[in-house]
Amino acid sequence: MSTGVLFSGGKDSCLALYKFGAENVTCLLSILPYDKDSWMFHQPNEKLLRKQAEMLRLPLIVRKSSAEKNKELEDLRELIKESGVKRLVTGALASNYQGKRIKKICNDFGIKLEVPLWNYSEEKLWKELLQNDFKVILIKISCEGIGKEFIGEVIDKKKYEELKKLSEKYKFRLDFEGGEAETAVLWMPGFTEKINLDYEIKSEDKYRHFLIVKKIKK
């Protein structure tokens, strides 16, 4: 069965891909919002996204979208329709807003929906990422409690424990389902090699920081 993964290059979609099995996947499907504060999607760097697909040796189908609430759903619908897949894998964890809308689109097209991480706890999510040696970095921070020094740093066991303590103090979710942060994966099982970045950090205010990719190094 032709299978697409709704792919942002972040920890959730990458772990969902890993659990489902990249060998069972036909293509990666990505929405690129023009606005970094989309209702449904995070805004990956397109060059990094394409590099991740290259490292996974999977074709990538991209559709750009505005961050308008209803328009981005139509763009997702068109992306899925264009792909022609019969099964869709998503890394959704707990967002009913996102989950219900993706499920409706799949139902409309008669596509089977696979959600391997649904209802994962924050601890279980990070346990599997760390046990399988995923190299996860933060590319966006948008909450109190996570300092900009976390941007671009691989979240290893030590960094995870630091984040855990901060989440207990500042009450943000460690899975970032509340929009507290966004991630990118620089290596996971199935990558042909690790991705290395030359980057800078842009800050909009005290609590909003972004990783700007300057160069993807060989």
N, C-alpha and C. Protein backbone atom coordinates (compact mmCIF):
# COMPACT_ATOMS: atom_id res chain seq x y z
N MET A 1 0.84 -1.19 0.00
CA MET A 1 0.00 0.00 0.00
C MET A 1 0.88 1.25 0.00
N SER A 2 0.63 2.17 -0.94
CA SER A 2 1.43 3.40 -0.98
C SER A 2 1.17 4.21 0.29
N THR A 3 2.25 4.62 0.95
CA THR A 3 2.16 5.23 2.27
C THR A 3 2.97 6.51 2.33
N GLY A 4 2.34 7.58 2.80
CA GLY A 4 3.03 8.85 3.02
C GLY A 4 3.12 9.16 4.49
N VAL A 5 4.18 9.84 4.88
CA VAL A 5 4.33 10.32 6.25
C VAL A 5 4.20 11.83 6.23
N LEU A 6 3.29 12.37 7.04
CA LEU A 6 3.19 13.81 7.20
C LEU A 6 4.41 14.26 7.99
N PHE A 7 5.33 14.93 7.32
CA PHE A 7 6.70 15.06 7.79
C PHE A 7 7.11 16.51 7.95
N SER A 8 7.51 16.88 9.18
CA SER A 8 8.03 18.22 9.43
C SER A 8 9.53 18.21 9.68
N GLY A 9 10.10 17.01 9.86
CA GLY A 9 11.50 16.91 10.22
C GLY A 9 11.76 17.05 11.71
N GLY A 10 10.67 17.23 12.49
CA GLY A 10 10.78 17.33 13.93
C GLY A 10 10.74 15.97 14.61
N LYS A 11 10.87 15.98 15.92
CA LYS A 11 10.98 14.74 16.69
C LYS A 11 9.78 13.83 16.52
N ASP A 12 8.57 14.37 16.49
CA ASP A 12 7.37 13.53 16.45
C ASP A 12 7.21 12.82 15.11
N SER A 13 7.33 13.57 14.02
CA SER A 13 7.16 12.92 12.72
C SER A 13 8.30 11.95 12.43
N CYS A 14 9.50 12.27 12.90
CA CYS A 14 10.64 11.35 12.69
C CYS A 14 10.48 10.07 13.51
N LEU A 15 10.02 10.20 14.75
CA LEU A 15 9.82 9.00 15.57
C LEU A 15 8.67 8.16 15.01
N ALA A 16 7.61 8.82 14.53
CA ALA A 16 6.50 8.08 13.92
C ALA A 16 6.98 7.31 12.69
N LEU A 17 7.81 7.95 11.88
CA LEU A 17 8.40 7.29 10.71
C LEU A 17 9.22 6.08 11.13
N TYR A 18 10.03 6.25 12.15
CA TYR A 18 10.87 5.16 12.64
C TYR A 18 10.03 3.99 13.14
N LYS A 19 8.99 4.28 13.91
CA LYS A 19 8.17 3.21 14.48
C LYS A 19 7.36 2.49 13.40
N PHE A 20 6.92 3.23 12.41
CA PHE A 20 6.15 2.60 11.34
C PHE A 20 7.07 1.79 10.43
N GLY A 21 8.30 2.29 10.25
CA GLY A 21 9.27 1.59 9.40
C GLY A 21 9.46 2.30 8.08
N ALA A 22 10.63 2.94 7.91
CA ALA A 22 10.89 3.69 6.68
C ALA A 22 10.79 2.80 5.44
N GLU A 23 11.08 1.51 5.62
CA GLU A 23 11.01 0.58 4.49
C GLU A 23 9.58 0.39 3.99
N ASN A 24 8.60 0.78 4.81
CA ASN A 24 7.19 0.66 4.43
C ASN A 24 6.62 1.96 3.88
N VAL A 25 7.46 2.98 3.74
CA VAL A 25 7.00 4.32 3.36
C VAL A 25 7.36 4.62 1.92
N THR A 26 6.40 5.22 1.20
CA THR A 26 6.58 5.58 -0.20
C THR A 26 7.15 6.98 -0.36
N CYS A 27 6.67 7.93 0.49
CA CYS A 27 7.09 9.32 0.33
C CYS A 27 6.85 10.09 1.62
N LEU A 28 7.47 11.26 1.69
CA LEU A 28 7.27 12.20 2.79
C LEU A 28 6.44 13.38 2.28
N LEU A 29 5.49 13.83 3.08
CA LEU A 29 4.61 14.94 2.70
C LEU A 29 4.80 16.08 3.68
N SER A 30 5.10 17.27 3.16
CA SER A 30 5.39 18.40 4.05
C SER A 30 4.63 19.65 3.63
N ILE A 31 4.03 20.28 4.62
CA ILE A 31 3.45 21.61 4.46
C ILE A 31 4.47 22.62 4.96
N LEU A 32 4.73 23.66 4.16
CA LEU A 32 5.64 24.73 4.56
C LEU A 32 4.83 26.02 4.73
N PRO A 33 4.46 26.36 5.96
CA PRO A 33 3.70 27.59 6.17
C PRO A 33 4.58 28.82 5.92
N TYR A 34 4.00 29.85 5.32
CA TYR A 34 4.73 31.10 5.15
C TYR A 34 4.96 31.78 6.49
N ASP A 35 4.03 31.54 7.42
CA ASP A 35 4.09 32.18 8.74
C ASP A 35 4.60 31.19 9.77
N LYS A 36 5.49 31.63 10.67
CA LYS A 36 6.06 30.72 11.68
C LYS A 36 5.09 30.41 12.81
N ASP A 37 3.90 31.02 12.80
CA ASP A 37 2.90 30.74 13.83
C ASP A 37 1.65 30.15 13.19
N SER A 38 1.83 29.04 12.53
CA SER A 38 0.72 28.34 11.89
C SER A 38 -0.21 27.71 12.93
N TRP A 39 -1.48 27.53 12.53
CA TRP A 39 -2.44 26.84 13.41
C TRP A 39 -2.13 25.35 13.51
N MET A 40 -1.69 24.75 12.41
CA MET A 40 -1.59 23.29 12.33
C MET A 40 -0.17 22.75 12.29
N PHE A 41 0.75 23.53 11.75
CA PHE A 41 2.05 22.99 11.41
C PHE A 41 3.17 23.86 11.97
N HIS A 42 4.34 23.25 12.22
CA HIS A 42 5.46 24.11 12.51
C HIS A 42 6.19 24.43 11.21
N GLN A 43 7.01 25.44 11.24
CA GLN A 43 7.63 25.95 10.02
C GLN A 43 9.06 25.45 9.91
N PRO A 44 9.29 24.36 9.21
CA PRO A 44 10.66 23.85 9.06
C PRO A 44 11.45 24.69 8.07
N ASN A 45 12.77 24.60 8.16
CA ASN A 45 13.63 25.20 7.16
C ASN A 45 13.62 24.29 5.93
N GLU A 46 13.31 24.84 4.77
CA GLU A 46 13.12 24.00 3.59
C GLU A 46 14.40 23.27 3.19
N LYS A 47 15.55 23.94 3.27
CA LYS A 47 16.81 23.28 2.91
C LYS A 47 17.10 22.12 3.85
N LEU A 48 16.86 22.33 5.15
CA LEU A 48 17.07 21.26 6.12
C LEU A 48 16.10 20.12 5.89
N LEU A 49 14.85 20.46 5.61
CA LEU A 49 13.83 19.44 5.34
C LEU A 49 14.24 18.56 4.16
N ARG A 50 14.71 19.19 3.10
CA ARG A 50 15.13 18.43 1.92
C ARG A 50 16.37 17.59 2.21
N LYS A 51 17.25 18.09 3.06
CA LYS A 51 18.42 17.32 3.45
C LYS A 51 18.02 16.10 4.27
N GLN A 52 17.05 16.25 5.16
CA GLN A 52 16.56 15.12 5.94
C GLN A 52 15.98 14.05 5.03
N ALA A 53 15.19 14.47 4.05
CA ALA A 53 14.61 13.51 3.10
C ALA A 53 15.71 12.80 2.32
N GLU A 54 16.75 13.54 1.95
CA GLU A 54 17.89 12.94 1.25
C GLU A 54 18.58 11.90 2.13
N MET A 55 18.76 12.22 3.42
CA MET A 55 19.42 11.28 4.34
C MET A 55 18.57 10.03 4.55
N LEU A 56 17.25 10.16 4.41
CA LEU A 56 16.34 9.02 4.55
C LEU A 56 16.13 8.28 3.23
N ARG A 57 16.62 8.87 2.14
CA ARG A 57 16.47 8.30 0.80
C ARG A 57 15.00 8.09 0.45
N LEU A 58 14.20 9.10 0.78
CA LEU A 58 12.77 9.06 0.48
C LEU A 58 12.38 10.31 -0.29
N PRO A 59 11.50 10.18 -1.28
CA PRO A 59 11.03 11.36 -2.02
C PRO A 59 10.20 12.27 -1.12
N LEU A 60 10.33 13.57 -1.33
CA LEU A 60 9.64 14.58 -0.53
C LEU A 60 8.71 15.38 -1.43
N ILE A 61 7.45 15.46 -1.03
CA ILE A 61 6.47 16.28 -1.74
C ILE A 61 6.12 17.45 -0.83
N VAL A 62 6.35 18.67 -1.31
CA VAL A 62 6.18 19.87 -0.49
C VAL A 62 5.07 20.74 -1.07
N ARG A 63 4.28 21.32 -0.18
CA ARG A 63 3.30 22.33 -0.58
C ARG A 63 3.40 23.50 0.38
N LYS A 64 3.56 24.70 -0.17
CA LYS A 64 3.63 25.89 0.67
C LYS A 64 2.22 26.38 0.98
N SER A 65 2.10 27.03 2.15
CA SER A 65 0.77 27.40 2.62
C SER A 65 0.83 28.67 3.45
N SER A 66 -0.24 29.42 3.40
CA SER A 66 -0.39 30.52 4.34
C SER A 66 -0.73 29.94 5.70
N ALA A 67 -0.75 30.77 6.73
CA ALA A 67 -1.11 30.29 8.07
C ALA A 67 -2.58 30.57 8.37
N GLU A 68 -3.36 30.83 7.32
CA GLU A 68 -4.79 31.05 7.53
C GLU A 68 -5.44 29.74 7.96
N LYS A 69 -6.30 29.84 8.96
CA LYS A 69 -6.85 28.66 9.63
C LYS A 69 -7.47 27.66 8.66
N ASN A 70 -8.33 28.12 7.77
CA ASN A 70 -9.02 27.21 6.86
C ASN A 70 -8.20 26.92 5.61
N LYS A 71 -7.40 27.90 5.17
CA LYS A 71 -6.62 27.73 3.94
C LYS A 71 -5.57 26.64 4.10
N GLU A 72 -4.93 26.57 5.26
CA GLU A 72 -3.89 25.56 5.42
C GLU A 72 -4.47 24.14 5.44
N LEU A 73 -5.71 24.01 5.86
CA LEU A 73 -6.37 22.70 5.79
C LEU A 73 -6.63 22.31 4.34
N GLU A 74 -7.03 23.29 3.53
CA GLU A 74 -7.23 23.01 2.11
C GLU A 74 -5.92 22.66 1.43
N ASP A 75 -4.84 23.34 1.84
CA ASP A 75 -3.52 23.03 1.28
C ASP A 75 -3.09 21.61 1.66
N LEU A 76 -3.37 21.21 2.89
CA LEU A 76 -3.07 19.84 3.31
C LEU A 76 -3.88 18.84 2.50
N ARG A 77 -5.14 19.14 2.30
CA ARG A 77 -6.01 18.28 1.50
C ARG A 77 -5.44 18.10 0.09
N GLU A 78 -5.01 19.21 -0.51
CA GLU A 78 -4.46 19.15 -1.87
C GLU A 78 -3.15 18.38 -1.91
N LEU A 79 -2.32 18.55 -0.87
CA LEU A 79 -1.05 17.82 -0.80
C LEU A 79 -1.30 16.31 -0.75
N ILE A 80 -2.21 15.90 0.11
CA ILE A 80 -2.52 14.46 0.24
C ILE A 80 -3.12 13.92 -1.06
N LYS A 81 -4.00 14.70 -1.66
CA LYS A 81 -4.60 14.29 -2.93
C LYS A 81 -3.55 14.14 -4.01
N GLU A 82 -2.63 15.11 -4.09
CA GLU A 82 -1.56 15.09 -5.09
C GLU A 82 -0.66 13.87 -4.94
N SER A 83 -0.42 13.47 -3.68
CA SER A 83 0.50 12.36 -3.43
C SER A 83 -0.05 11.03 -3.92
N GLY A 84 -1.37 10.88 -3.87
CA GLY A 84 -2.00 9.63 -4.29
C GLY A 84 -1.82 8.48 -3.32
N VAL A 85 -1.40 8.78 -2.09
CA VAL A 85 -1.16 7.69 -1.13
C VAL A 85 -2.48 7.10 -0.65
N LYS A 86 -2.40 5.85 -0.22
CA LYS A 86 -3.57 5.15 0.29
C LYS A 86 -3.53 5.00 1.81
N ARG A 87 -2.39 5.39 2.40
CA ARG A 87 -2.24 5.33 3.85
C ARG A 87 -1.37 6.53 4.27
N LEU A 88 -1.75 7.16 5.39
CA LEU A 88 -1.02 8.32 5.88
C LEU A 88 -0.59 8.08 7.32
N VAL A 89 0.70 8.34 7.60
CA VAL A 89 1.25 8.23 8.94
C VAL A 89 1.49 9.63 9.47
N THR A 90 1.07 9.89 10.69
CA THR A 90 1.29 11.20 11.30
C THR A 90 1.90 11.05 12.69
N GLY A 91 2.67 12.03 13.09
CA GLY A 91 3.31 12.01 14.40
C GLY A 91 2.50 12.70 15.48
N ALA A 92 1.22 12.87 15.26
CA ALA A 92 0.37 13.53 16.26
C ALA A 92 0.45 12.80 17.60
N LEU A 93 0.50 13.56 18.68
CA LEU A 93 0.59 13.00 20.03
C LEU A 93 -0.72 13.11 20.79
N ALA A 94 -1.25 14.32 20.85
CA ALA A 94 -2.43 14.53 21.70
C ALA A 94 -3.31 15.67 21.22
N SER A 95 -2.97 16.28 20.10
CA SER A 95 -3.73 17.44 19.64
C SER A 95 -5.01 17.01 18.93
N ASN A 96 -6.14 17.16 19.62
CA ASN A 96 -7.42 16.84 19.00
C ASN A 96 -7.72 17.76 17.82
N TYR A 97 -7.28 19.03 17.94
CA TYR A 97 -7.51 19.99 16.85
C TYR A 97 -6.89 19.47 15.56
N GLN A 98 -5.62 19.09 15.65
CA GLN A 98 -4.92 18.59 14.47
C GLN A 98 -5.42 17.21 14.06
N GLY A 99 -5.56 16.33 15.06
CA GLY A 99 -5.93 14.95 14.78
C GLY A 99 -7.26 14.80 14.08
N LYS A 100 -8.27 15.53 14.55
CA LYS A 100 -9.60 15.43 13.96
C LYS A 100 -9.62 15.90 12.51
N ARG A 101 -8.87 16.94 12.23
CA ARG A 101 -8.86 17.50 10.88
C ARG A 101 -8.12 16.60 9.90
N ILE A 102 -7.03 16.02 10.35
CA ILE A 102 -6.32 15.08 9.47
C ILE A 102 -7.17 13.84 9.23
N LYS A 103 -7.82 13.36 10.28
CA LYS A 103 -8.67 12.17 10.15
C LYS A 103 -9.82 12.41 9.18
N LYS A 104 -10.42 13.60 9.23
CA LYS A 104 -11.53 13.90 8.31
C LYS A 104 -11.06 13.89 6.86
N ILE A 105 -9.89 14.48 6.60
CA ILE A 105 -9.36 14.48 5.24
C ILE A 105 -9.12 13.05 4.77
N CYS A 106 -8.53 12.23 5.64
CA CYS A 106 -8.29 10.82 5.28
C CYS A 106 -9.60 10.09 5.02
N ASN A 107 -10.59 10.32 5.85
CA ASN A 107 -11.91 9.69 5.64
C ASN A 107 -12.52 10.11 4.31
N ASP A 108 -12.39 11.39 3.98
CA ASP A 108 -12.96 11.90 2.73
C ASP A 108 -12.32 11.23 1.51
N PHE A 109 -11.03 10.89 1.60
CA PHE A 109 -10.32 10.28 0.49
C PHE A 109 -10.24 8.76 0.59
N GLY A 110 -10.80 8.19 1.65
CA GLY A 110 -10.72 6.74 1.84
C GLY A 110 -9.31 6.27 2.14
N ILE A 111 -8.54 7.10 2.86
CA ILE A 111 -7.15 6.79 3.19
C ILE A 111 -7.08 6.25 4.61
N LYS A 112 -6.28 5.23 4.81
CA LYS A 112 -6.07 4.69 6.14
C LYS A 112 -5.11 5.59 6.91
N LEU A 113 -5.48 5.92 8.15
CA LEU A 113 -4.65 6.80 8.98
C LEU A 113 -3.94 5.99 10.05
N GLU A 114 -2.62 6.18 10.17
CA GLU A 114 -1.82 5.53 11.20
C GLU A 114 -1.24 6.60 12.12
N VAL A 115 -1.46 6.45 13.43
CA VAL A 115 -0.98 7.44 14.41
C VAL A 115 -0.20 6.70 15.50
N PRO A 116 1.06 6.33 15.21
CA PRO A 116 1.79 5.44 16.13
C PRO A 116 2.15 6.06 17.48
N LEU A 117 2.10 7.39 17.60
CA LEU A 117 2.49 8.02 18.87
C LEU A 117 1.30 8.55 19.66
N TRP A 118 0.10 8.25 19.23
CA TRP A 118 -1.08 8.86 19.86
C TRP A 118 -1.15 8.50 21.35
N ASN A 119 -1.36 9.51 22.16
CA ASN A 119 -1.45 9.38 23.62
C ASN A 119 -0.14 8.97 24.29
N TYR A 120 0.98 9.15 23.60
CA TYR A 120 2.27 8.96 24.25
C TYR A 120 2.43 9.98 25.38
N SER A 121 2.96 9.52 26.51
CA SER A 121 3.31 10.47 27.57
C SER A 121 4.59 11.20 27.16
N GLU A 122 4.84 12.33 27.81
CA GLU A 122 6.07 13.08 27.55
C GLU A 122 7.30 12.22 27.85
N GLU A 123 7.22 11.47 28.93
CA GLU A 123 8.36 10.63 29.33
C GLU A 123 8.61 9.51 28.33
N LYS A 124 7.54 8.86 27.88
CA LYS A 124 7.69 7.76 26.92
C LYS A 124 8.27 8.27 25.60
N LEU A 125 7.81 9.44 25.16
CA LEU A 125 8.31 10.03 23.92
C LEU A 125 9.82 10.23 23.98
N TRP A 126 10.28 10.91 25.03
CA TRP A 126 11.71 11.20 25.13
C TRP A 126 12.53 9.94 25.43
N LYS A 127 11.95 9.00 26.14
CA LYS A 127 12.65 7.75 26.40
C LYS A 127 12.98 7.04 25.09
N GLU A 128 12.02 6.98 24.18
CA GLU A 128 12.25 6.29 22.92
C GLU A 128 13.22 7.07 22.03
N LEU A 129 13.12 8.40 22.04
CA LEU A 129 14.05 9.21 21.26
C LEU A 129 15.48 9.00 21.74
N LEU A 130 15.67 9.04 23.06
CA LEU A 130 17.02 8.92 23.62
C LEU A 130 17.56 7.50 23.49
N GLN A 131 16.72 6.50 23.72
CA GLN A 131 17.17 5.12 23.61
C GLN A 131 17.62 4.77 22.20
N ASN A 132 17.00 5.40 21.22
CA ASN A 132 17.33 5.11 19.82
C ASN A 132 18.29 6.13 19.22
N ASP A 133 18.87 6.94 20.09
CA ASP A 133 19.96 7.85 19.72
C ASP A 133 19.56 8.91 18.69
N PHE A 134 18.29 9.34 18.73
CA PHE A 134 17.88 10.46 17.88
C PHE A 134 18.65 11.71 18.30
N LYS A 135 19.13 12.47 17.32
CA LYS A 135 19.80 13.74 17.57
C LYS A 135 18.79 14.86 17.33
N VAL A 136 18.15 15.28 18.42
CA VAL A 136 17.07 16.27 18.35
C VAL A 136 17.60 17.62 18.83
N ILE A 137 17.32 18.68 18.07
CA ILE A 137 17.66 20.02 18.51
C ILE A 137 16.40 20.88 18.57
N LEU A 138 16.44 21.93 19.35
CA LEU A 138 15.36 22.93 19.33
C LEU A 138 15.67 23.96 18.26
N ILE A 139 14.68 24.26 17.43
CA ILE A 139 14.86 25.28 16.40
C ILE A 139 13.98 26.51 16.67
N LYS A 140 13.07 26.38 17.63
CA LYS A 140 12.23 27.50 18.03
C LYS A 140 11.89 27.34 19.50
N ILE A 141 11.93 28.44 20.24
CA ILE A 141 11.47 28.47 21.62
C ILE A 141 10.46 29.60 21.73
N SER A 142 9.34 29.31 22.38
CA SER A 142 8.29 30.32 22.48
C SER A 142 7.58 30.23 23.82
N CYS A 143 8.36 30.15 24.90
CA CYS A 143 7.77 30.11 26.23
C CYS A 143 8.77 30.54 27.28
N GLU A 144 8.26 30.88 28.44
CA GLU A 144 9.13 31.20 29.57
C GLU A 144 9.74 29.91 30.11
N GLY A 145 11.02 29.98 30.47
CA GLY A 145 11.64 28.85 31.14
C GLY A 145 12.73 28.16 30.34
N ILE A 146 12.63 28.20 29.00
CA ILE A 146 13.66 27.58 28.17
C ILE A 146 14.54 28.69 27.60
N GLY A 147 15.78 28.76 28.04
CA GLY A 147 16.68 29.81 27.60
C GLY A 147 17.15 29.59 26.17
N LYS A 148 17.57 30.67 25.53
CA LYS A 148 17.97 30.56 24.12
C LYS A 148 19.23 29.72 23.94
N GLU A 149 19.94 29.44 25.05
CA GLU A 149 21.13 28.60 24.94
C GLU A 149 20.79 27.16 24.54
N PHE A 150 19.51 26.79 24.63
CA PHE A 150 19.10 25.45 24.19
C PHE A 150 18.98 25.36 22.67
N ILE A 151 18.83 26.49 22.00
CA ILE A 151 18.68 26.48 20.55
C ILE A 151 19.92 25.83 19.90
N GLY A 152 19.67 24.86 19.04
CA GLY A 152 20.74 24.24 18.27
C GLY A 152 21.52 23.16 18.99
N GLU A 153 21.27 22.98 20.30
CA GLU A 153 21.99 21.98 21.08
C GLU A 153 21.26 20.64 21.03
N VAL A 154 21.99 19.56 20.78
CA VAL A 154 21.37 18.23 20.79
C VAL A 154 20.87 17.92 22.19
N ILE A 155 19.62 17.47 22.28
CA ILE A 155 19.03 17.12 23.57
C ILE A 155 19.44 15.69 23.93
N ASP A 156 20.53 15.59 24.68
CA ASP A 156 20.97 14.29 25.18
C ASP A 156 20.33 14.05 26.55
N LYS A 157 20.72 13.00 27.24
CA LYS A 157 20.09 12.69 28.53
C LYS A 157 20.27 13.81 29.54
N LYS A 158 21.45 14.42 29.55
CA LYS A 158 21.72 15.51 30.48
C LYS A 158 20.85 16.72 30.18
N LYS A 159 20.77 17.10 28.91
CA LYS A 159 19.94 18.24 28.52
C LYS A 159 18.46 17.96 28.78
N TYR A 160 18.06 16.71 28.55
CA TYR A 160 16.67 16.34 28.82
C TYR A 160 16.34 16.52 30.30
N GLU A 161 17.23 16.10 31.18
CA GLU A 161 16.99 16.27 32.62
C GLU A 161 16.92 17.75 32.99
N GLU A 162 17.72 18.57 32.34
CA GLU A 162 17.65 20.02 32.57
C GLU A 162 16.28 20.56 32.15
N LEU A 163 15.83 20.13 30.97
CA LEU A 163 14.51 20.56 30.49
C LEU A 163 13.40 20.08 31.41
N LYS A 164 13.54 18.87 31.91
CA LYS A 164 12.53 18.30 32.79
C LYS A 164 12.38 19.14 34.06
N LYS A 165 13.51 19.55 34.64
CA LYS A 165 13.48 20.39 35.84
C LYS A 165 12.84 21.74 35.53
N LEU A 166 13.18 22.30 34.38
CA LEU A 166 12.61 23.59 34.00
C LEU A 166 11.11 23.47 33.76
N SER A 167 10.68 22.35 33.18
CA SER A 167 9.24 22.17 32.92
C SER A 167 8.45 22.06 34.22
N GLU A 168 9.06 21.46 35.23
CA GLU A 168 8.40 21.36 36.54
C GLU A 168 8.27 22.74 37.18
N LYS A 169 9.27 23.57 36.96
CA LYS A 169 9.26 24.91 37.55
C LYS A 169 8.34 25.86 36.79
N TYR A 170 8.41 25.83 35.46
CA TYR A 170 7.68 26.81 34.65
C TYR A 170 6.41 26.26 34.02
N LYS A 171 6.13 24.98 34.25
CA LYS A 171 4.85 24.37 33.84
C LYS A 171 4.63 24.34 32.33
N PHE A 172 5.69 24.11 31.56
CA PHE A 172 5.49 23.88 30.13
C PHE A 172 5.56 22.38 29.85
N ARG A 173 4.98 21.97 28.73
CA ARG A 173 4.94 20.56 28.37
C ARG A 173 6.27 20.15 27.74
N LEU A 174 6.78 19.00 28.15
CA LEU A 174 8.06 18.51 27.62
C LEU A 174 7.93 17.97 26.21
N ASP A 175 6.71 17.65 25.79
CA ASP A 175 6.53 17.23 24.40
C ASP A 175 6.27 18.43 23.49
N PHE A 176 6.12 19.62 24.09
CA PHE A 176 5.92 20.89 23.38
C PHE A 176 4.62 20.93 22.60
N GLU A 177 3.63 20.15 23.05
CA GLU A 177 2.34 20.13 22.37
C GLU A 177 1.59 21.45 22.53
N GLY A 178 2.00 22.27 23.48
CA GLY A 178 1.37 23.57 23.65
C GLY A 178 2.03 24.67 22.84
N GLY A 179 2.96 24.29 21.95
CA GLY A 179 3.65 25.27 21.12
C GLY A 179 4.84 25.92 21.80
N GLU A 180 5.30 25.31 22.91
CA GLU A 180 6.40 25.89 23.68
C GLU A 180 7.72 25.91 22.91
N ALA A 181 7.90 24.93 22.02
CA ALA A 181 9.14 24.83 21.24
C ALA A 181 8.88 23.96 20.02
N GLU A 182 9.80 24.05 19.06
CA GLU A 182 9.78 23.19 17.89
C GLU A 182 11.16 22.58 17.70
N THR A 183 11.20 21.43 17.05
CA THR A 183 12.44 20.67 16.99
C THR A 183 12.79 20.29 15.55
N ALA A 184 14.03 19.85 15.38
CA ALA A 184 14.47 19.23 14.14
C ALA A 184 15.38 18.07 14.51
N VAL A 185 15.40 17.06 13.67
CA VAL A 185 16.21 15.86 13.91
C VAL A 185 17.40 15.88 12.95
N LEU A 186 18.61 15.79 13.52
CA LEU A 186 19.83 15.81 12.71
C LEU A 186 20.36 14.40 12.44
N TRP A 187 19.90 13.44 13.21
CA TRP A 187 20.21 12.03 12.93
C TRP A 187 19.16 11.17 13.59
N MET A 188 18.83 10.07 12.92
CA MET A 188 17.94 9.04 13.46
C MET A 188 18.30 7.74 12.76
N PRO A 189 17.89 6.60 13.31
CA PRO A 189 18.11 5.34 12.59
C PRO A 189 17.48 5.43 11.19
N GLY A 190 18.27 5.12 10.19
CA GLY A 190 17.80 5.24 8.81
C GLY A 190 18.47 6.36 8.04
N PHE A 191 19.02 7.36 8.74
CA PHE A 191 19.80 8.40 8.07
C PHE A 191 21.10 7.79 7.53
N THR A 192 21.52 8.22 6.38
CA THR A 192 22.79 7.73 5.84
C THR A 192 23.98 8.39 6.54
N GLU A 193 23.77 9.60 7.07
CA GLU A 193 24.80 10.27 7.86
C GLU A 193 24.16 11.39 8.68
N LYS A 194 24.89 11.88 9.67
CA LYS A 194 24.39 12.95 10.53
C LYS A 194 24.46 14.28 9.78
N ILE A 195 23.47 15.13 10.02
CA ILE A 195 23.44 16.47 9.43
C ILE A 195 24.14 17.45 10.39
N ASN A 196 24.99 18.28 9.83
CA ASN A 196 25.68 19.31 10.61
C ASN A 196 25.29 20.69 10.09
N LEU A 197 24.99 21.60 11.01
CA LEU A 197 24.50 22.91 10.63
C LEU A 197 25.44 24.02 11.06
N ASP A 198 25.54 25.04 10.23
CA ASP A 198 26.09 26.33 10.62
C ASP A 198 24.88 27.25 10.78
N TYR A 199 24.70 27.81 11.95
CA TYR A 199 23.47 28.56 12.21
C TYR A 199 23.73 29.77 13.10
N GLU A 200 22.71 30.61 13.17
CA GLU A 200 22.71 31.73 14.11
C GLU A 200 21.37 31.74 14.83
N ILE A 201 21.32 32.47 15.93
CA ILE A 201 20.09 32.54 16.72
C ILE A 201 19.49 33.94 16.59
N LYS A 202 18.21 33.98 16.27
CA LYS A 202 17.48 35.24 16.20
C LYS A 202 16.48 35.28 17.35
N SER A 203 16.46 36.39 18.09
CA SER A 203 15.52 36.55 19.20
C SER A 203 14.54 37.68 18.88
N GLU A 204 13.25 37.43 19.09
CA GLU A 204 12.24 38.45 18.87
C GLU A 204 11.91 39.19 20.16
N ASP A 205 11.97 38.46 21.27
CA ASP A 205 11.77 39.07 22.58
C ASP A 205 12.40 38.15 23.62
N LYS A 206 12.08 38.35 24.84
CA LYS A 206 12.72 37.59 25.93
C LYS A 206 12.46 36.09 25.84
N TYR A 207 11.29 35.71 25.29
CA TYR A 207 10.90 34.30 25.30
C TYR A 207 10.80 33.66 23.93
N ARG A 208 11.08 34.40 22.86
CA ARG A 208 10.94 33.84 21.50
C ARG A 208 12.29 33.88 20.79
N HIS A 209 12.78 32.67 20.49
CA HIS A 209 14.09 32.54 19.86
C HIS A 209 14.00 31.52 18.72
N PHE A 210 14.77 31.77 17.66
CA PHE A 210 14.69 30.94 16.47
C PHE A 210 16.09 30.59 15.97
N LEU A 211 16.22 29.37 15.46
CA LEU A 211 17.45 28.95 14.79
C LEU A 211 17.35 29.32 13.32
N ILE A 212 18.33 30.06 12.83
CA ILE A 212 18.40 30.43 11.42
C ILE A 212 19.53 29.64 10.77
N VAL A 213 19.19 28.78 9.83
CA VAL A 213 20.21 27.96 9.16
C VAL A 213 20.99 28.83 8.19
N LYS A 214 22.29 28.92 8.39
CA LYS A 214 23.16 29.65 7.48
C LYS A 214 23.71 28.71 6.40
N LYS A 215 24.03 27.49 6.83
CA LYS A 215 24.63 26.53 5.90
C LYS A 215 24.47 25.13 6.44
N ILE A 216 24.21 24.19 5.55
CA ILE A 216 24.23 22.78 5.93
C ILE A 216 25.60 22.24 5.53
N LYS A 217 26.39 21.90 6.54
CA LYS A 217 27.79 21.53 6.30
C LYS A 217 27.92 20.07 5.88
N LYS A 218 28.92 19.78 5.09
CA LYS A 218 29.17 18.40 4.65
C LYS A 218 29.97 17.66 5.73
